[in-house]
Amino acid sequence: MLIVSVNARCLSIGDLCYTFPNLKLNYVDAKNYCSSMNQNLATVRTEKQHSYLSAVARVRWASSLFWIDLSRPSINAPFVWSDDSVKDSLYVAGSTETGKWLTVDGEKELNFICSYPNSDTSNEKSDQKSELLSRKDSDLKPNVTCLFMVDFQSSGISQAAISTYKSVLLKQFFLILPLTFQYFNFAQLVASKLNDESHFTGYLDTFGYSASLADHKNIPTYSYENFRTLPFSILDTDDDIDMDLKDVDSSLRSARWIPPVEDQTCMVFFSAAPESLYGGSEIQTTYDSFQTVIGVLVGGATSIPGLTNPIAATTLSDADASAVVELLLRSLPSN
């Protein structure tokens, strides 16, 4: 059996790094999978870790439960983590709906989270201090929290346009081959440019899935270091638009940042959709959680209903990314 180890950056929260395999397994198989990656099934030590993991799991997965590492050998024994620390409170799953932990049949197949020690914790305080000093030295930079909403549907788009972003992924239990999504990568390029020009936090979400839609309403607030490591899951996508764009607008109307933010808020809406697929709905120029909204046309799209000044990214280049950031910063409200 071929095993490919992927040394990717993780979601770092305090003293632990977390990874989110896009698999559903029973408790033992999930534990073994994490172990095969030199990680443990998720340990949760702080309220901050608990809150963030629940928020991320809600956004990333459609299911309301995910495995964490707590278990006990018998009904009368205390719960323990894999590192043998005792939790005095069978197999335990976290609920994304209630935020509580509950016991679940170990044979049930659930999504799961892995964790491992964060080797950078010794630098965490100095990094935070450096960030504060950097902000003092660049007071002219705005503080922005921005949602990047990226279109991965392709119904009604030419095959030539599809080929610019879609490549083949072979993903099995222990095998992950590289993949590229040009739209996804372009959104990450825009984020890097925005991070250069602002104090940036945010999240990257997608629409155009064929099934298993995740929660698009509770949006984690990531630092750029964590934003840039967000993966795109190819599972449950196809060449048709299956998520009604009216649902996108409806979700955005009720969306909220977790935790709440005081920065200027924005959304960059990357769309490849022909106008006919909007079904008469429009993307708003502002939402409660996204004060400034700009549109980016990709894949040959010509318009985004509701947005009168979208910018066309025809080559998905550095220059295109810089132009998107320039438009966004110009569009932010004056202080």
C-alpha atoms as a PDB file:
ATOM      1  CA  MET A   1       0.000   0.000   0.000  1.00  0.00           C
ATOM      2  CA  LEU A   2       1.372   3.404  -0.965  1.00  0.00           C
ATOM      3  CA  ILE A   3       1.336   6.008   1.767  1.00  0.00           C
ATOM      4  CA  VAL A   4       1.977   9.641   0.917  1.00  0.00           C
ATOM      5  CA  SER A   5       2.771  11.898   3.854  1.00  0.00           C
ATOM      6  CA  VAL A   6       1.612  15.471   3.406  1.00  0.00           C
ATOM      7  CA  ASN A   7       3.428  17.984   5.582  1.00  0.00           C
ATOM      8  CA  ALA A   8       0.859  20.759   5.344  1.00  0.00           C
ATOM      9  CA  ARG A   9       0.311  23.664   7.705  1.00  0.00           C
ATOM     10  CA  CYS A  10      -2.581  23.230  10.098  1.00  0.00           C
ATOM     11  CA  LEU A  11      -5.137  25.274  11.963  1.00  0.00           C
ATOM     12  CA  SER A  12      -3.090  26.369  14.971  1.00  0.00           C
ATOM     13  CA  ILE A  13      -5.017  27.094  18.184  1.00  0.00           C
ATOM     14  CA  GLY A  14      -2.887  27.545  21.290  1.00  0.00           C
ATOM     15  CA  ASP A  15      -0.602  24.592  21.941  1.00  0.00           C
ATOM     16  CA  LEU A  16      -2.134  22.304  19.307  1.00  0.00           C
ATOM     17  CA  CYS A  17      -2.413  22.106  15.538  1.00  0.00           C
ATOM     18  CA  TYR A  18      -5.600  20.651  14.031  1.00  0.00           C
ATOM     19  CA  THR A  19      -6.229  18.970  10.684  1.00  0.00           C
ATOM     20  CA  PHE A  20      -9.583  18.063   9.132  1.00  0.00           C
ATOM     21  CA  PRO A  21      -9.562  14.886   6.979  1.00  0.00           C
ATOM     22  CA  ASN A  22     -12.522  14.806   4.623  1.00  0.00           C
ATOM     23  CA  LEU A  23     -13.536  11.292   5.659  1.00  0.00           C
ATOM     24  CA  LYS A  24     -16.201   9.605   7.756  1.00  0.00           C
ATOM     25  CA  LEU A  25     -14.912   6.671   9.812  1.00  0.00           C
ATOM     26  CA  ASN A  26     -15.823   4.817  12.975  1.00  0.00           C
ATOM     27  CA  TYR A  27     -13.960   5.752  16.155  1.00  0.00           C
ATOM     28  CA  VAL A  28     -11.180   3.149  15.939  1.00  0.00           C
ATOM     29  CA  ASP A  29     -10.543   3.725  12.223  1.00  0.00           C
ATOM     30  CA  ALA A  30     -10.511   7.492  12.749  1.00  0.00           C
ATOM     31  CA  LYS A  31      -8.018   7.083  15.578  1.00  0.00           C
ATOM     32  CA  ASN A  32      -5.833   4.828  13.408  1.00  0.00           C
ATOM     33  CA  TYR A  33      -6.032   7.248  10.490  1.00  0.00           C
ATOM     34  CA  CYS A  34      -4.777  10.121  12.644  1.00  0.00           C
ATOM     35  CA  SER A  35      -2.048   7.861  14.036  1.00  0.00           C
ATOM     36  CA  SER A  36      -0.937   6.971  10.486  1.00  0.00           C
ATOM     37  CA  MET A  37      -0.341  10.701   9.938  1.00  0.00           C
ATOM     38  CA  ASN A  38       1.704  10.898  13.173  1.00  0.00           C
ATOM     39  CA  GLN A  39      -1.186  12.710  14.862  1.00  0.00           C
ATOM     40  CA  ASN A  40      -3.824  11.928  17.480  1.00  0.00           C
ATOM     41  CA  LEU A  41      -7.564  12.098  17.292  1.00  0.00           C
ATOM     42  CA  ALA A  42      -8.342  15.645  18.453  1.00  0.00           C
ATOM     43  CA  THR A  43      -7.471  16.685  21.983  1.00  0.00           C
ATOM     44  CA  VAL A  44      -9.366  19.772  23.187  1.00  0.00           C
ATOM     45  CA  ARG A  45      -7.835  21.548  26.171  1.00  0.00           C
ATOM     46  CA  THR A  46      -9.264  25.060  26.169  1.00  0.00           C
ATOM     47  CA  GLU A  47     -12.565  26.825  25.598  1.00  0.00           C
ATOM     48  CA  LYS A  48     -10.998  28.688  22.668  1.00  0.00           C
ATOM     49  CA  GLN A  49     -10.013  25.410  20.988  1.00  0.00           C
ATOM     50  CA  HIS A  50     -13.489  24.007  21.652  1.00  0.00           C
ATOM     51  CA  SER A  51     -15.278  27.058  20.184  1.00  0.00           C
ATOM     52  CA  TYR A  52     -13.110  27.273  17.079  1.00  0.00           C
ATOM     53  CA  LEU A  53     -13.294  23.566  16.286  1.00  0.00           C
ATOM     54  CA  SER A  54     -17.089  23.590  16.561  1.00  0.00           C
ATOM     55  CA  ALA A  55     -17.290  26.640  14.282  1.00  0.00           C
ATOM     56  CA  VAL A  56     -14.932  25.201  11.683  1.00  0.00           C
ATOM     57  CA  ALA A  57     -16.680  21.819  11.729  1.00  0.00           C
ATOM     58  CA  ARG A  58     -20.062  23.488  11.180  1.00  0.00           C
ATOM     59  CA  VAL A  59     -18.720  25.324   8.156  1.00  0.00           C
ATOM     60  CA  ARG A  60     -16.759  22.442   6.682  1.00  0.00           C
ATOM     61  CA  TRP A  61     -19.128  19.497   7.111  1.00  0.00           C
ATOM     62  CA  ALA A  62     -22.830  18.919   6.722  1.00  0.00           C
ATOM     63  CA  SER A  63     -22.979  16.482   9.653  1.00  0.00           C
ATOM     64  CA  SER A  64     -23.588  17.797  13.163  1.00  0.00           C
ATOM     65  CA  LEU A  65     -21.155  15.448  14.974  1.00  0.00           C
ATOM     66  CA  PHE A  66     -17.420  14.765  14.777  1.00  0.00           C
ATOM     67  CA  TRP A  67     -15.090  12.432  16.681  1.00  0.00           C
ATOM     68  CA  ILE A  68     -12.743  13.790  19.335  1.00  0.00           C
ATOM     69  CA  ASP A  69     -10.227  11.735  21.281  1.00  0.00           C
ATOM     70  CA  LEU A  70     -12.015  11.215  24.608  1.00  0.00           C
ATOM     71  CA  SER A  71     -12.862   7.591  25.363  1.00  0.00           C
ATOM     72  CA  ARG A  72     -13.088   5.212  28.297  1.00  0.00           C
ATOM     73  CA  PRO A  73     -12.501   1.459  28.484  1.00  0.00           C
ATOM     74  CA  SER A  74     -15.663   0.763  30.501  1.00  0.00           C
ATOM     75  CA  ILE A  75     -18.838   2.459  31.665  1.00  0.00           C
ATOM     76  CA  ASN A  76     -17.456   3.122  35.165  1.00  0.00           C
ATOM     77  CA  ALA A  77     -14.001   4.273  34.081  1.00  0.00           C
ATOM     78  CA  PRO A  78     -13.096   7.957  33.668  1.00  0.00           C
ATOM     79  CA  PHE A  79     -12.735   9.463  30.221  1.00  0.00           C
ATOM     80  CA  VAL A  80      -9.124   9.893  29.082  1.00  0.00           C
ATOM     81  CA  TRP A  81      -7.247  11.457  26.192  1.00  0.00           C
ATOM     82  CA  SER A  82      -4.601   9.533  24.274  1.00  0.00           C
ATOM     83  CA  ASP A  83      -1.917  11.354  26.263  1.00  0.00           C
ATOM     84  CA  ASP A  84      -3.404   9.640  29.379  1.00  0.00           C
ATOM     85  CA  SER A  85      -4.648  12.834  31.013  1.00  0.00           C
ATOM     86  CA  VAL A  86      -7.965  12.184  32.773  1.00  0.00           C
ATOM     87  CA  LYS A  87     -11.244  13.922  31.978  1.00  0.00           C
ATOM     88  CA  ASP A  88     -13.752  13.357  34.845  1.00  0.00           C
ATOM     89  CA  SER A  89     -16.867  14.204  33.198  1.00  0.00           C
ATOM     90  CA  LEU A  90     -17.359   4.687  25.599  1.00  0.00           C
ATOM     91  CA  TYR A  91     -16.484   7.132  22.757  1.00  0.00           C
ATOM     92  CA  VAL A  92     -17.111  10.842  22.589  1.00  0.00           C
ATOM     93  CA  ALA A  93     -18.149  13.107  19.749  1.00  0.00           C
ATOM     94  CA  GLY A  94     -18.446  16.872  19.621  1.00  0.00           C
ATOM     95  CA  SER A  95     -21.711  18.443  18.493  1.00  0.00           C
ATOM     96  CA  THR A  96     -21.524  21.433  16.160  1.00  0.00           C
ATOM     97  CA  GLU A  97     -25.107  22.369  17.063  1.00  0.00           C
ATOM     98  CA  THR A  98     -25.013  22.432  20.871  1.00  0.00           C
ATOM     99  CA  GLY A  99     -21.266  22.758  21.426  1.00  0.00           C
ATOM    100  CA  LYS A 100     -21.481  19.873  23.922  1.00  0.00           C
ATOM    101  CA  TRP A 101     -19.699  16.538  24.020  1.00  0.00           C
ATOM    102  CA  LEU A 102     -21.755  13.367  24.072  1.00  0.00           C
ATOM    103  CA  THR A 103     -21.168   9.629  23.926  1.00  0.00           C
ATOM    104  CA  VAL A 104     -21.786   7.920  20.606  1.00  0.00           C
ATOM    105  CA  ASP A 105     -21.697   4.313  19.385  1.00  0.00           C
ATOM    106  CA  GLY A 106     -18.072   3.700  18.408  1.00  0.00           C
ATOM    107  CA  GLU A 107     -19.129   1.934  15.204  1.00  0.00           C
ATOM    108  CA  LYS A 108     -20.919   5.024  13.908  1.00  0.00           C
ATOM    109  CA  GLU A 109     -19.075   6.659  11.005  1.00  0.00           C
ATOM    110  CA  LEU A 110     -18.477  10.371  11.631  1.00  0.00           C
ATOM    111  CA  ASN A 111     -16.219  13.140  10.441  1.00  0.00           C
ATOM    112  CA  PHE A 112     -13.231  13.628  12.722  1.00  0.00           C
ATOM    113  CA  ILE A 113     -10.429  16.014  13.601  1.00  0.00           C
ATOM    114  CA  CYS A 114      -6.782  15.143  14.235  1.00  0.00           C
ATOM    115  CA  SER A 115      -4.348  17.117  16.385  1.00  0.00           C
ATOM    116  CA  TYR A 116      -0.661  17.285  17.177  1.00  0.00           C
ATOM    117  CA  PRO A 117       1.574  19.571  19.284  1.00  0.00           C
ATOM    118  CA  ASN A 118       2.158  23.026  17.879  1.00  0.00           C
ATOM    119  CA  SER A 119       5.925  23.340  17.629  1.00  0.00           C
ATOM    120  CA  ASP A 120       5.644  27.121  17.187  1.00  0.00           C
ATOM    121  CA  THR A 121       4.045  27.878  20.570  1.00  0.00           C
ATOM    122  CA  SER A 122       7.360  29.148  21.938  1.00  0.00           C
ATOM    123  CA  ASN A 123       7.207  31.904  19.352  1.00  0.00           C
ATOM    124  CA  GLU A 124       3.515  32.688  19.816  1.00  0.00           C
ATOM    125  CA  LYS A 125       3.950  35.588  22.239  1.00  0.00           C
ATOM    126  CA  SER A 126       6.827  37.093  20.286  1.00  0.00           C
ATOM    127  CA  ASP A 127       4.818  36.745  17.071  1.00  0.00           C
ATOM    128  CA  GLN A 128       1.879  38.536  18.685  1.00  0.00           C
ATOM    129  CA  LYS A 129       4.188  41.272  19.937  1.00  0.00           C
ATOM    130  CA  SER A 130       5.718  41.631  16.473  1.00  0.00           C
ATOM    131  CA  GLU A 131       2.245  41.875  14.974  1.00  0.00           C
ATOM    132  CA  LEU A 132       1.288  44.642  17.414  1.00  0.00           C
ATOM    133  CA  LEU A 133       4.483  46.538  16.642  1.00  0.00           C
ATOM    134  CA  SER A 134       3.872  46.057  12.940  1.00  0.00           C
ATOM    135  CA  ARG A 135       0.410  47.534  13.319  1.00  0.00           C
ATOM    136  CA  LYS A 136       1.816  50.552  15.149  1.00  0.00           C
ATOM    137  CA  ASP A 137       4.347  51.052  12.373  1.00  0.00           C
ATOM    138  CA  SER A 138       1.678  50.833   9.674  1.00  0.00           C
ATOM    139  CA  ASP A 139      -1.335  52.619  11.132  1.00  0.00           C
ATOM    140  CA  LEU A 140      -2.492  53.560   7.656  1.00  0.00           C
ATOM    141  CA  LYS A 141      -3.296  49.942   6.854  1.00  0.00           C
ATOM    142  CA  PRO A 142      -6.977  49.115   7.393  1.00  0.00           C
ATOM    143  CA  ASN A 143      -8.116  46.229   9.585  1.00  0.00           C
ATOM    144  CA  VAL A 144     -10.354  44.077   7.400  1.00  0.00           C
ATOM    145  CA  THR A 145     -12.191  40.808   7.950  1.00  0.00           C
ATOM    146  CA  CYS A 146     -13.242  39.431   4.603  1.00  0.00           C
ATOM    147  CA  LEU A 147     -15.143  36.425   3.269  1.00  0.00           C
ATOM    148  CA  PHE A 148     -13.898  35.050  -0.048  1.00  0.00           C
ATOM    149  CA  MET A 149     -16.877  33.300  -1.691  1.00  0.00           C
ATOM    150  CA  VAL A 150     -15.561  31.261  -4.628  1.00  0.00           C
ATOM    151  CA  ASP A 151     -17.658  29.693  -7.416  1.00  0.00           C
ATOM    152  CA  PHE A 152     -16.769  26.101  -8.349  1.00  0.00           C
ATOM    153  CA  GLN A 153     -19.779  25.356 -10.513  1.00  0.00           C
ATOM    154  CA  SER A 154     -19.382  25.186 -14.277  1.00  0.00           C
ATOM    155  CA  SER A 155     -22.808  24.574 -15.817  1.00  0.00           C
ATOM    156  CA  GLY A 156     -23.139  26.557 -19.038  1.00  0.00           C
ATOM    157  CA  ILE A 157     -19.432  27.380 -19.148  1.00  0.00           C
ATOM    158  CA  SER A 158     -17.225  26.343 -22.038  1.00  0.00           C
ATOM    159  CA  GLN A 159     -14.989  23.310 -21.655  1.00  0.00           C
ATOM    160  CA  ALA A 160     -11.992  25.564 -22.260  1.00  0.00           C
ATOM    161  CA  ALA A 161     -12.941  27.628 -19.223  1.00  0.00           C
ATOM    162  CA  ILE A 162     -13.500  24.519 -17.122  1.00  0.00           C
ATOM    163  CA  SER A 163     -10.074  23.177 -18.026  1.00  0.00           C
ATOM    164  CA  THR A 164      -8.437  26.306 -16.627  1.00  0.00           C
ATOM    165  CA  TYR A 165      -9.312  25.314 -13.094  1.00  0.00           C
ATOM    166  CA  LYS A 166     -10.322  21.683 -12.897  1.00  0.00           C
ATOM    167  CA  SER A 167      -7.765  18.894 -12.707  1.00  0.00           C
ATOM    168  CA  VAL A 168      -7.941  15.260 -11.751  1.00  0.00           C
ATOM    169  CA  LEU A 169      -7.827  14.224  -8.125  1.00  0.00           C
ATOM    170  CA  LEU A 170      -7.255  10.667  -7.002  1.00  0.00           C
ATOM    171  CA  LYS A 171      -7.998  10.399  -3.324  1.00  0.00           C
ATOM    172  CA  GLN A 172      -8.141   7.140  -1.423  1.00  0.00           C
ATOM    173  CA  PHE A 173      -7.797   6.220   2.209  1.00  0.00           C
ATOM    174  CA  PHE A 174      -4.018   6.699   2.387  1.00  0.00           C
ATOM    175  CA  LEU A 175      -3.317   8.342  -0.956  1.00  0.00           C
ATOM    176  CA  ILE A 176      -3.589  12.019  -1.754  1.00  0.00           C
ATOM    177  CA  LEU A 177      -2.282  13.295  -5.063  1.00  0.00           C
ATOM    178  CA  PRO A 178      -1.659  16.986  -5.786  1.00  0.00           C
ATOM    179  CA  LEU A 179      -4.499  18.976  -7.297  1.00  0.00           C
ATOM    180  CA  THR A 180      -4.899  22.478  -8.596  1.00  0.00           C
ATOM    181  CA  PHE A 181      -7.926  24.648  -8.819  1.00  0.00           C
ATOM    182  CA  GLN A 182      -7.080  27.848 -10.593  1.00  0.00           C
ATOM    183  CA  TYR A 183     -10.080  29.734  -9.189  1.00  0.00           C
ATOM    184  CA  PHE A 184      -9.223  28.572  -5.675  1.00  0.00           C
ATOM    185  CA  ASN A 185      -5.560  29.429  -6.153  1.00  0.00           C
ATOM    186  CA  PHE A 186      -6.464  32.831  -7.569  1.00  0.00           C
ATOM    187  CA  ALA A 187      -8.590  33.564  -4.504  1.00  0.00           C
ATOM    188  CA  GLN A 188      -5.609  32.656  -2.327  1.00  0.00           C
ATOM    189  CA  LEU A 189      -3.411  34.947  -4.436  1.00  0.00           C
ATOM    190  CA  VAL A 190      -5.855  37.811  -3.879  1.00  0.00           C
ATOM    191  CA  ALA A 191      -5.785  37.072  -0.135  1.00  0.00           C
ATOM    192  CA  SER A 192      -1.991  37.267  -0.076  1.00  0.00           C
ATOM    193  CA  LYS A 193      -2.099  40.640  -1.828  1.00  0.00           C
ATOM    194  CA  LEU A 194      -4.789  41.879   0.559  1.00  0.00           C
ATOM    195  CA  ASN A 195      -2.723  40.707   3.517  1.00  0.00           C
ATOM    196  CA  ASP A 196       0.191  42.787   2.204  1.00  0.00           C
ATOM    197  CA  GLU A 197      -1.983  45.901   2.084  1.00  0.00           C
ATOM    198  CA  SER A 198      -4.069  45.457   5.253  1.00  0.00           C
ATOM    199  CA  HIS A 199      -4.347  43.714   8.592  1.00  0.00           C
ATOM    200  CA  PHE A 200      -6.336  40.831   7.177  1.00  0.00           C
ATOM    201  CA  THR A 201      -8.445  38.107   8.760  1.00  0.00           C
ATOM    202  CA  GLY A 202     -11.220  36.112   7.143  1.00  0.00           C
ATOM    203  CA  TYR A 203     -12.391  32.863   5.608  1.00  0.00           C
ATOM    204  CA  LEU A 204     -12.702  31.187   2.197  1.00  0.00           C
ATOM    205  CA  ASP A 205     -16.015  29.516   1.350  1.00  0.00           C
ATOM    206  CA  THR A 206     -17.328  27.967  -1.866  1.00  0.00           C
ATOM    207  CA  PHE A 207     -20.584  27.352  -3.678  1.00  0.00           C
ATOM    208  CA  GLY A 208     -21.435  25.026  -6.554  1.00  0.00           C
ATOM    209  CA  TYR A 209     -21.346  21.777  -4.557  1.00  0.00           C
ATOM    210  CA  SER A 210     -23.452  18.850  -5.693  1.00  0.00           C
ATOM    211  CA  ALA A 211     -24.218  17.462  -2.240  1.00  0.00           C
ATOM    212  CA  SER A 212     -23.359  17.575   1.470  1.00  0.00           C
ATOM    213  CA  LEU A 213     -23.504  21.333   1.723  1.00  0.00           C
ATOM    214  CA  ALA A 214     -21.786  22.617   4.822  1.00  0.00           C
ATOM    215  CA  ASP A 215     -22.942  25.458   7.051  1.00  0.00           C
ATOM    216  CA  HIS A 216     -22.467  28.752   5.198  1.00  0.00           C
ATOM    217  CA  LYS A 217     -23.855  30.897   8.024  1.00  0.00           C
ATOM    218  CA  ASN A 218     -21.354  30.577  10.896  1.00  0.00           C
ATOM    219  CA  ILE A 219     -18.047  31.813   9.538  1.00  0.00           C
ATOM    220  CA  PRO A 220     -14.741  31.351  11.419  1.00  0.00           C
ATOM    221  CA  THR A 221     -12.415  34.332  11.686  1.00  0.00           C
ATOM    222  CA  TYR A 222      -8.976  33.093  10.592  1.00  0.00           C
ATOM    223  CA  SER A 223      -5.672  34.892  10.717  1.00  0.00           C
ATOM    224  CA  TYR A 224      -3.987  34.994   7.325  1.00  0.00           C
ATOM    225  CA  GLU A 225      -1.563  32.287   8.478  1.00  0.00           C
ATOM    226  CA  ASN A 226      -4.506  29.911   8.894  1.00  0.00           C
ATOM    227  CA  PHE A 227      -6.497  31.294   5.939  1.00  0.00           C
ATOM    228  CA  ARG A 228      -3.738  30.455   3.490  1.00  0.00           C
ATOM    229  CA  THR A 229      -3.707  26.806   4.593  1.00  0.00           C
ATOM    230  CA  LEU A 230      -7.417  26.251   3.931  1.00  0.00           C
ATOM    231  CA  PRO A 231      -7.793  23.229   1.621  1.00  0.00           C
ATOM    232  CA  PHE A 232     -10.423  22.758  -1.031  1.00  0.00           C
ATOM    233  CA  SER A 233     -12.209  19.438  -0.896  1.00  0.00           C
ATOM    234  CA  ILE A 234     -13.037  18.006  -4.299  1.00  0.00           C
ATOM    235  CA  LEU A 235     -15.532  15.554  -2.827  1.00  0.00           C
ATOM    236  CA  ASP A 236     -19.140  16.068  -3.880  1.00  0.00           C
ATOM    237  CA  THR A 237     -18.392  18.483  -6.718  1.00  0.00           C
ATOM    238  CA  ASP A 238     -19.278  18.057 -10.358  1.00  0.00           C
ATOM    239  CA  ASP A 239     -19.745  20.079 -13.534  1.00  0.00           C
ATOM    240  CA  ASP A 240     -23.240  21.350 -12.748  1.00  0.00           C
ATOM    241  CA  ILE A 241     -24.520  24.070 -10.477  1.00  0.00           C
ATOM    242  CA  ASP A 242     -26.604  22.384  -7.800  1.00  0.00           C
ATOM    243  CA  MET A 243     -26.721  25.052  -5.132  1.00  0.00           C
ATOM    244  CA  ASP A 244     -29.369  27.642  -5.982  1.00  0.00           C
ATOM    245  CA  LEU A 245     -27.782  31.081  -5.975  1.00  0.00           C
ATOM    246  CA  LYS A 246     -30.839  32.297  -4.083  1.00  0.00           C
ATOM    247  CA  ASP A 247     -29.612  30.076  -1.261  1.00  0.00           C
ATOM    248  CA  VAL A 248     -26.226  31.790  -1.420  1.00  0.00           C
ATOM    249  CA  ASP A 249     -27.845  35.198  -0.977  1.00  0.00           C
ATOM    250  CA  SER A 250     -30.107  33.905   1.793  1.00  0.00           C
ATOM    251  CA  SER A 251     -27.148  32.429   3.681  1.00  0.00           C
ATOM    252  CA  LEU A 252     -25.175  35.649   3.370  1.00  0.00           C
ATOM    253  CA  ARG A 253     -28.066  37.650   4.803  1.00  0.00           C
ATOM    254  CA  SER A 254     -27.977  35.665   8.044  1.00  0.00           C
ATOM    255  CA  ALA A 255     -24.230  34.914   8.179  1.00  0.00           C
ATOM    256  CA  ARG A 256     -22.157  35.905  11.187  1.00  0.00           C
ATOM    257  CA  TRP A 257     -18.476  35.944  12.085  1.00  0.00           C
ATOM    258  CA  ILE A 258     -17.301  33.662  14.904  1.00  0.00           C
ATOM    259  CA  PRO A 259     -16.011  35.234  17.055  1.00  0.00           C
ATOM    260  CA  PRO A 260     -17.612  38.637  16.283  1.00  0.00           C
ATOM    261  CA  VAL A 261     -15.293  41.235  14.766  1.00  0.00           C
ATOM    262  CA  GLU A 262     -14.948  45.003  14.996  1.00  0.00           C
ATOM    263  CA  ASP A 263     -12.883  45.398  11.814  1.00  0.00           C
ATOM    264  CA  GLN A 264     -14.229  46.668   8.537  1.00  0.00           C
ATOM    265  CA  THR A 265     -15.966  43.670   6.981  1.00  0.00           C
ATOM    266  CA  CYS A 266     -16.100  42.695   3.336  1.00  0.00           C
ATOM    267  CA  MET A 267     -16.835  39.939   0.855  1.00  0.00           C
ATOM    268  CA  VAL A 268     -15.130  39.188  -2.443  1.00  0.00           C
ATOM    269  CA  PHE A 269     -17.565  37.195  -4.600  1.00  0.00           C
ATOM    270  CA  PHE A 270     -15.734  35.215  -7.308  1.00  0.00           C
ATOM    271  CA  SER A 271     -18.307  34.044  -9.879  1.00  0.00           C
ATOM    272  CA  ALA A 272     -18.125  31.962 -13.036  1.00  0.00           C
ATOM    273  CA  ALA A 273     -21.918  31.645 -13.245  1.00  0.00           C
ATOM    274  CA  PRO A 274     -23.841  32.770 -16.333  1.00  0.00           C
ATOM    275  CA  GLU A 275     -26.471  35.328 -15.336  1.00  0.00           C
ATOM    276  CA  SER A 276     -29.312  32.928 -16.151  1.00  0.00           C
ATOM    277  CA  LEU A 277     -28.261  30.668 -13.289  1.00  0.00           C
ATOM    278  CA  TYR A 278     -28.986  33.345 -10.703  1.00  0.00           C
ATOM    279  CA  GLY A 279     -32.693  32.615 -11.199  1.00  0.00           C
ATOM    280  CA  GLY A 280     -33.652  36.261 -10.891  1.00  0.00           C
ATOM    281  CA  SER A 281     -31.886  36.678  -7.542  1.00  0.00           C
ATOM    282  CA  GLU A 282     -29.168  39.239  -6.879  1.00  0.00           C
ATOM    283  CA  ILE A 283     -26.061  39.474  -4.745  1.00  0.00           C
ATOM    284  CA  GLN A 284     -26.415  42.477  -2.446  1.00  0.00           C
ATOM    285  CA  THR A 285     -23.922  45.347  -2.318  1.00  0.00           C
ATOM    286  CA  THR A 286     -23.835  45.055   1.468  1.00  0.00           C
ATOM    287  CA  TYR A 287     -24.847  42.560   4.163  1.00  0.00           C
ATOM    288  CA  ASP A 288     -24.929  42.833   7.940  1.00  0.00           C
ATOM    289  CA  SER A 289     -21.672  40.860   8.226  1.00  0.00           C
ATOM    290  CA  PHE A 290     -20.108  42.102   4.966  1.00  0.00           C
ATOM    291  CA  GLN A 291     -20.209  45.873   4.828  1.00  0.00           C
ATOM    292  CA  THR A 292     -18.381  46.074   1.509  1.00  0.00           C
ATOM    293  CA  VAL A 293     -19.060  43.612  -1.335  1.00  0.00           C
ATOM    294  CA  ILE A 294     -17.187  43.443  -4.625  1.00  0.00           C
ATOM    295  CA  GLY A 295     -17.589  40.975  -7.484  1.00  0.00           C
ATOM    296  CA  VAL A 296     -14.867  39.225  -9.460  1.00  0.00           C
ATOM    297  CA  LEU A 297     -15.711  37.661 -12.832  1.00  0.00           C
ATOM    298  CA  VAL A 298     -13.834  34.448 -13.673  1.00  0.00           C
ATOM    299  CA  GLY A 299     -14.252  31.695 -16.241  1.00  0.00           C
ATOM    300  CA  GLY A 300     -15.759  33.961 -18.873  1.00  0.00           C
ATOM    301  CA  ALA A 301     -18.658  35.223 -16.721  1.00  0.00           C
ATOM    302  CA  THR A 302     -19.945  38.597 -17.898  1.00  0.00           C
ATOM    303  CA  SER A 303     -21.956  39.880 -14.930  1.00  0.00           C
ATOM    304  CA  ILE A 304     -23.045  39.319 -11.346  1.00  0.00           C
ATOM    305  CA  PRO A 305     -26.676  40.406 -10.861  1.00  0.00           C
ATOM    306  CA  GLY A 306     -26.876  43.072  -8.177  1.00  0.00           C
ATOM    307  CA  LEU A 307     -23.229  44.131  -8.406  1.00  0.00           C
ATOM    308  CA  THR A 308     -22.768  46.963 -10.879  1.00  0.00           C
ATOM    309  CA  ASN A 309     -18.988  47.213 -10.841  1.00  0.00           C
ATOM    310  CA  PRO A 310     -17.519  43.680 -10.874  1.00  0.00           C
ATOM    311  CA  ILE A 311     -13.935  43.383 -12.005  1.00  0.00           C
ATOM    312  CA  ALA A 312     -12.962  40.826 -14.651  1.00  0.00           C
ATOM    313  CA  ALA A 313     -10.013  38.560 -13.845  1.00  0.00           C
ATOM    314  CA  THR A 314      -9.350  37.266 -17.331  1.00  0.00           C
ATOM    315  CA  THR A 315      -5.865  35.830 -16.816  1.00  0.00           C
ATOM    316  CA  LEU A 316      -5.927  35.025 -13.064  1.00  0.00           C
ATOM    317  CA  SER A 317      -2.551  36.735 -12.857  1.00  0.00           C
ATOM    318  CA  ASP A 318      -0.664  38.781 -10.280  1.00  0.00           C
ATOM    319  CA  ALA A 319      -1.894  41.915 -11.992  1.00  0.00           C
ATOM    320  CA  ASP A 320      -5.501  40.690 -11.824  1.00  0.00           C
ATOM    321  CA  ALA A 321      -5.118  39.930  -8.104  1.00  0.00           C
ATOM    322  CA  SER A 322      -3.628  43.366  -7.408  1.00  0.00           C
ATOM    323  CA  ALA A 323      -6.489  45.009  -9.303  1.00  0.00           C
ATOM    324  CA  VAL A 324      -9.043  43.154  -7.156  1.00  0.00           C
ATOM    325  CA  VAL A 325      -7.338  44.317  -3.961  1.00  0.00           C
ATOM    326  CA  GLU A 326      -7.092  47.893  -5.225  1.00  0.00           C
ATOM    327  CA  LEU A 327     -10.829  47.923  -5.999  1.00  0.00           C
ATOM    328  CA  LEU A 328     -11.664  46.439  -2.592  1.00  0.00           C
ATOM    329  CA  LEU A 329      -9.570  48.938  -0.644  1.00  0.00           C
ATOM    330  CA  ARG A 330     -11.019  51.841  -2.653  1.00  0.00           C
ATOM    331  CA  SER A 331     -14.503  50.575  -1.865  1.00  0.00           C
ATOM    332  CA  LEU A 332     -14.056  50.403   1.920  1.00  0.00           C
ATOM    333  CA  PRO A 333     -15.872  53.141   3.866  1.00  0.00           C
ATOM    334  CA  SER A 334     -13.737  56.107   4.879  1.00  0.00           C
ATOM    335  CA  ASN A 335     -12.859  56.246   8.553  1.00  0.00           C
END
